[in-house]
């Protein structure tokens, strides 16, 4: 939980701590803790399949 809104501010989901609403975004972090992707254009109706497609391309690039 980001109760202090620190991550929301860091990644641009909120402009200031007093914000009550946030932009929807996804941050993908690898096992080493490196940020792989920040998706700030999340479409809730396609986001699940968008993530599957992204991870397929990541897996394919490792082969």
N, C-alpha and C. Protein backbone atom coordinates (compact mmCIF):
# COMPACT_ATOMS: atom_id res chain seq x y z
N UNK A 1 0.83 -1.18 0.00
CA UNK A 1 0.00 0.00 0.00
C UNK A 1 0.88 1.25 0.00
N UNK A 2 0.51 2.17 -0.82
CA UNK A 2 1.23 3.44 -0.94
C UNK A 2 0.46 4.51 -0.16
N UNK A 3 0.33 4.32 1.15
CA UNK A 3 -0.50 5.20 1.97
C UNK A 3 -0.01 6.64 2.01
N UNK A 4 1.28 6.85 1.83
CA UNK A 4 1.82 8.22 1.83
C UNK A 4 1.88 8.81 0.42
N UNK A 5 1.46 8.04 -0.58
CA UNK A 5 1.40 8.46 -1.99
C UNK A 5 2.78 8.73 -2.58
N UNK A 6 3.82 8.18 -1.99
CA UNK A 6 5.18 8.41 -2.50
C UNK A 6 5.38 7.80 -3.89
N UNK A 7 4.94 6.56 -4.08
CA UNK A 7 5.09 5.92 -5.39
C UNK A 7 4.19 6.59 -6.43
N UNK A 8 2.99 6.95 -6.03
CA UNK A 8 2.09 7.64 -6.96
C UNK A 8 2.72 8.93 -7.46
N UNK A 9 3.35 9.66 -6.58
CA UNK A 9 4.03 10.91 -6.97
C UNK A 9 5.26 10.61 -7.83
N UNK A 10 6.03 9.62 -7.45
CA UNK A 10 7.26 9.28 -8.17
C UNK A 10 6.97 8.88 -9.62
N UNK A 11 5.94 8.06 -9.83
CA UNK A 11 5.65 7.55 -11.17
C UNK A 11 4.64 8.40 -11.94
N UNK A 12 4.16 9.47 -11.36
CA UNK A 12 3.28 10.37 -12.08
C UNK A 12 1.81 10.00 -12.04
N UNK A 13 1.41 9.12 -11.14
CA UNK A 13 0.00 8.75 -11.02
C UNK A 13 -0.78 9.85 -10.28
N UNK A 14 -0.07 10.66 -9.52
CA UNK A 14 -0.68 11.78 -8.81
C UNK A 14 0.24 12.99 -8.96
N UNK A 15 -0.35 14.17 -9.01
CA UNK A 15 0.45 15.39 -9.15
C UNK A 15 0.90 15.92 -7.80
N UNK A 16 0.08 15.68 -6.77
CA UNK A 16 0.43 16.16 -5.42
C UNK A 16 -0.23 15.26 -4.38
N UNK A 17 0.28 15.29 -3.16
CA UNK A 17 -0.23 14.42 -2.10
C UNK A 17 -1.70 14.61 -1.79
N UNK A 18 -2.22 15.79 -2.05
CA UNK A 18 -3.62 16.06 -1.74
C UNK A 18 -4.59 15.47 -2.78
N UNK A 19 -4.06 14.96 -3.90
CA UNK A 19 -4.92 14.37 -4.93
C UNK A 19 -5.74 13.21 -4.37
N UNK A 20 -6.99 13.16 -4.73
CA UNK A 20 -7.88 12.07 -4.31
C UNK A 20 -8.02 11.01 -5.40
N UNK A 21 -7.77 11.39 -6.64
CA UNK A 21 -7.87 10.46 -7.77
C UNK A 21 -6.49 10.32 -8.40
N UNK A 22 -6.26 9.15 -8.97
CA UNK A 22 -4.96 8.85 -9.55
C UNK A 22 -5.11 8.36 -10.98
N UNK A 23 -4.09 8.60 -11.79
CA UNK A 23 -4.04 8.01 -13.12
C UNK A 23 -3.72 6.53 -12.96
N UNK A 24 -4.30 5.72 -13.81
CA UNK A 24 -4.01 4.29 -13.79
C UNK A 24 -2.71 4.08 -14.57
N UNK A 25 -1.78 3.34 -13.98
CA UNK A 25 -0.55 2.99 -14.68
C UNK A 25 -0.02 1.67 -14.16
N UNK A 26 0.86 1.08 -14.94
CA UNK A 26 1.48 -0.19 -14.55
C UNK A 26 2.99 -0.02 -14.62
N UNK A 27 3.66 -0.46 -13.57
CA UNK A 27 5.12 -0.45 -13.54
C UNK A 27 5.57 -1.90 -13.47
N UNK A 28 6.37 -2.32 -14.45
CA UNK A 28 6.87 -3.69 -14.50
C UNK A 28 8.32 -3.66 -14.04
N UNK A 29 8.62 -4.45 -13.01
CA UNK A 29 9.95 -4.50 -12.40
C UNK A 29 10.47 -5.92 -12.51
N UNK A 30 11.73 -6.08 -12.98
CA UNK A 30 12.28 -7.42 -13.12
C UNK A 30 12.79 -7.96 -11.79
N UNK A 31 13.30 -9.19 -11.81
CA UNK A 31 13.75 -9.85 -10.57
C UNK A 31 14.91 -9.12 -9.90
N UNK A 32 15.68 -8.39 -10.68
CA UNK A 32 16.82 -7.65 -10.13
C UNK A 32 16.40 -6.29 -9.58
N UNK A 33 15.12 -5.94 -9.71
CA UNK A 33 14.64 -4.66 -9.20
C UNK A 33 14.73 -3.53 -10.21
N UNK A 34 15.06 -3.85 -11.46
CA UNK A 34 15.16 -2.84 -12.52
C UNK A 34 13.78 -2.59 -13.13
N UNK A 35 13.43 -1.33 -13.33
CA UNK A 35 12.17 -1.01 -13.99
C UNK A 35 12.31 -1.33 -15.47
N UNK A 36 11.47 -2.23 -15.94
CA UNK A 36 11.51 -2.67 -17.33
C UNK A 36 10.60 -1.82 -18.20
N UNK A 37 9.45 -1.44 -17.64
CA UNK A 37 8.48 -0.67 -18.43
C UNK A 37 7.54 0.08 -17.50
N UNK A 38 7.18 1.29 -17.91
CA UNK A 38 6.13 2.04 -17.24
C UNK A 38 5.07 2.33 -18.30
N UNK A 39 3.89 1.79 -18.08
CA UNK A 39 2.78 1.98 -19.02
C UNK A 39 1.83 3.00 -18.42
N UNK A 40 1.84 4.21 -18.97
CA UNK A 40 0.97 5.28 -18.48
C UNK A 40 -0.31 5.41 -19.29
N UNK A 41 -0.48 4.54 -20.27
CA UNK A 41 -1.67 4.56 -21.13
C UNK A 41 -2.45 3.27 -20.96
N UNK A 42 -2.81 2.93 -19.75
CA UNK A 42 -3.49 1.67 -19.45
C UNK A 42 -4.95 1.75 -19.88
N UNK A 43 -5.37 0.76 -20.66
CA UNK A 43 -6.77 0.61 -21.05
C UNK A 43 -7.32 -0.58 -20.26
N UNK A 44 -8.16 -0.36 -19.27
CA UNK A 44 -8.63 -1.45 -18.42
C UNK A 44 -9.26 -2.61 -19.18
N UNK A 45 -9.91 -2.34 -20.30
CA UNK A 45 -10.58 -3.42 -21.03
C UNK A 45 -9.61 -4.32 -21.79
N UNK A 46 -8.39 -3.86 -22.06
CA UNK A 46 -7.43 -4.69 -22.80
C UNK A 46 -6.14 -4.94 -22.02
N UNK A 47 -6.06 -4.43 -20.80
CA UNK A 47 -4.78 -4.45 -20.09
C UNK A 47 -4.24 -5.86 -19.84
N UNK A 48 -5.11 -6.79 -19.51
CA UNK A 48 -4.66 -8.17 -19.30
C UNK A 48 -3.98 -8.75 -20.53
N UNK A 49 -4.61 -8.63 -21.68
CA UNK A 49 -4.01 -9.17 -22.91
C UNK A 49 -2.80 -8.34 -23.33
N UNK A 50 -2.81 -7.04 -23.05
CA UNK A 50 -1.64 -6.20 -23.35
C UNK A 50 -0.43 -6.69 -22.56
N UNK A 51 -0.63 -7.05 -21.29
CA UNK A 51 0.46 -7.56 -20.47
C UNK A 51 0.97 -8.91 -20.99
N UNK A 52 0.05 -9.78 -21.37
CA UNK A 52 0.45 -11.09 -21.92
C UNK A 52 1.31 -10.87 -23.16
N UNK A 53 0.87 -10.00 -24.07
CA UNK A 53 1.64 -9.70 -25.28
C UNK A 53 3.01 -9.15 -24.95
N UNK A 54 3.08 -8.25 -23.98
CA UNK A 54 4.37 -7.67 -23.58
C UNK A 54 5.31 -8.75 -23.07
N UNK A 55 4.82 -9.62 -22.18
CA UNK A 55 5.69 -10.65 -21.62
C UNK A 55 6.09 -11.68 -22.66
N UNK A 56 5.27 -11.92 -23.65
CA UNK A 56 5.67 -12.81 -24.75
C UNK A 56 6.85 -12.21 -25.51
N UNK A 57 6.83 -10.90 -25.74
CA UNK A 57 7.95 -10.27 -26.46
C UNK A 57 9.21 -10.27 -25.62
N UNK A 58 9.07 -10.10 -24.32
CA UNK A 58 10.23 -10.14 -23.42
C UNK A 58 10.84 -11.53 -23.42
N UNK A 59 10.00 -12.57 -23.31
CA UNK A 59 10.49 -13.95 -23.32
C UNK A 59 11.13 -14.29 -24.65
N UNK A 60 10.55 -13.84 -25.77
CA UNK A 60 11.10 -14.12 -27.09
C UNK A 60 12.45 -13.47 -27.29
N UNK A 61 12.67 -12.29 -26.69
CA UNK A 61 13.95 -11.60 -26.85
C UNK A 61 15.08 -12.27 -26.07
N UNK A 62 14.72 -13.11 -25.07
CA UNK A 62 15.72 -13.80 -24.28
C UNK A 62 16.21 -15.08 -24.95
N UNK A 63 15.46 -15.56 -25.93
CA UNK A 63 15.83 -16.81 -26.60
C UNK A 63 16.93 -16.65 -27.59
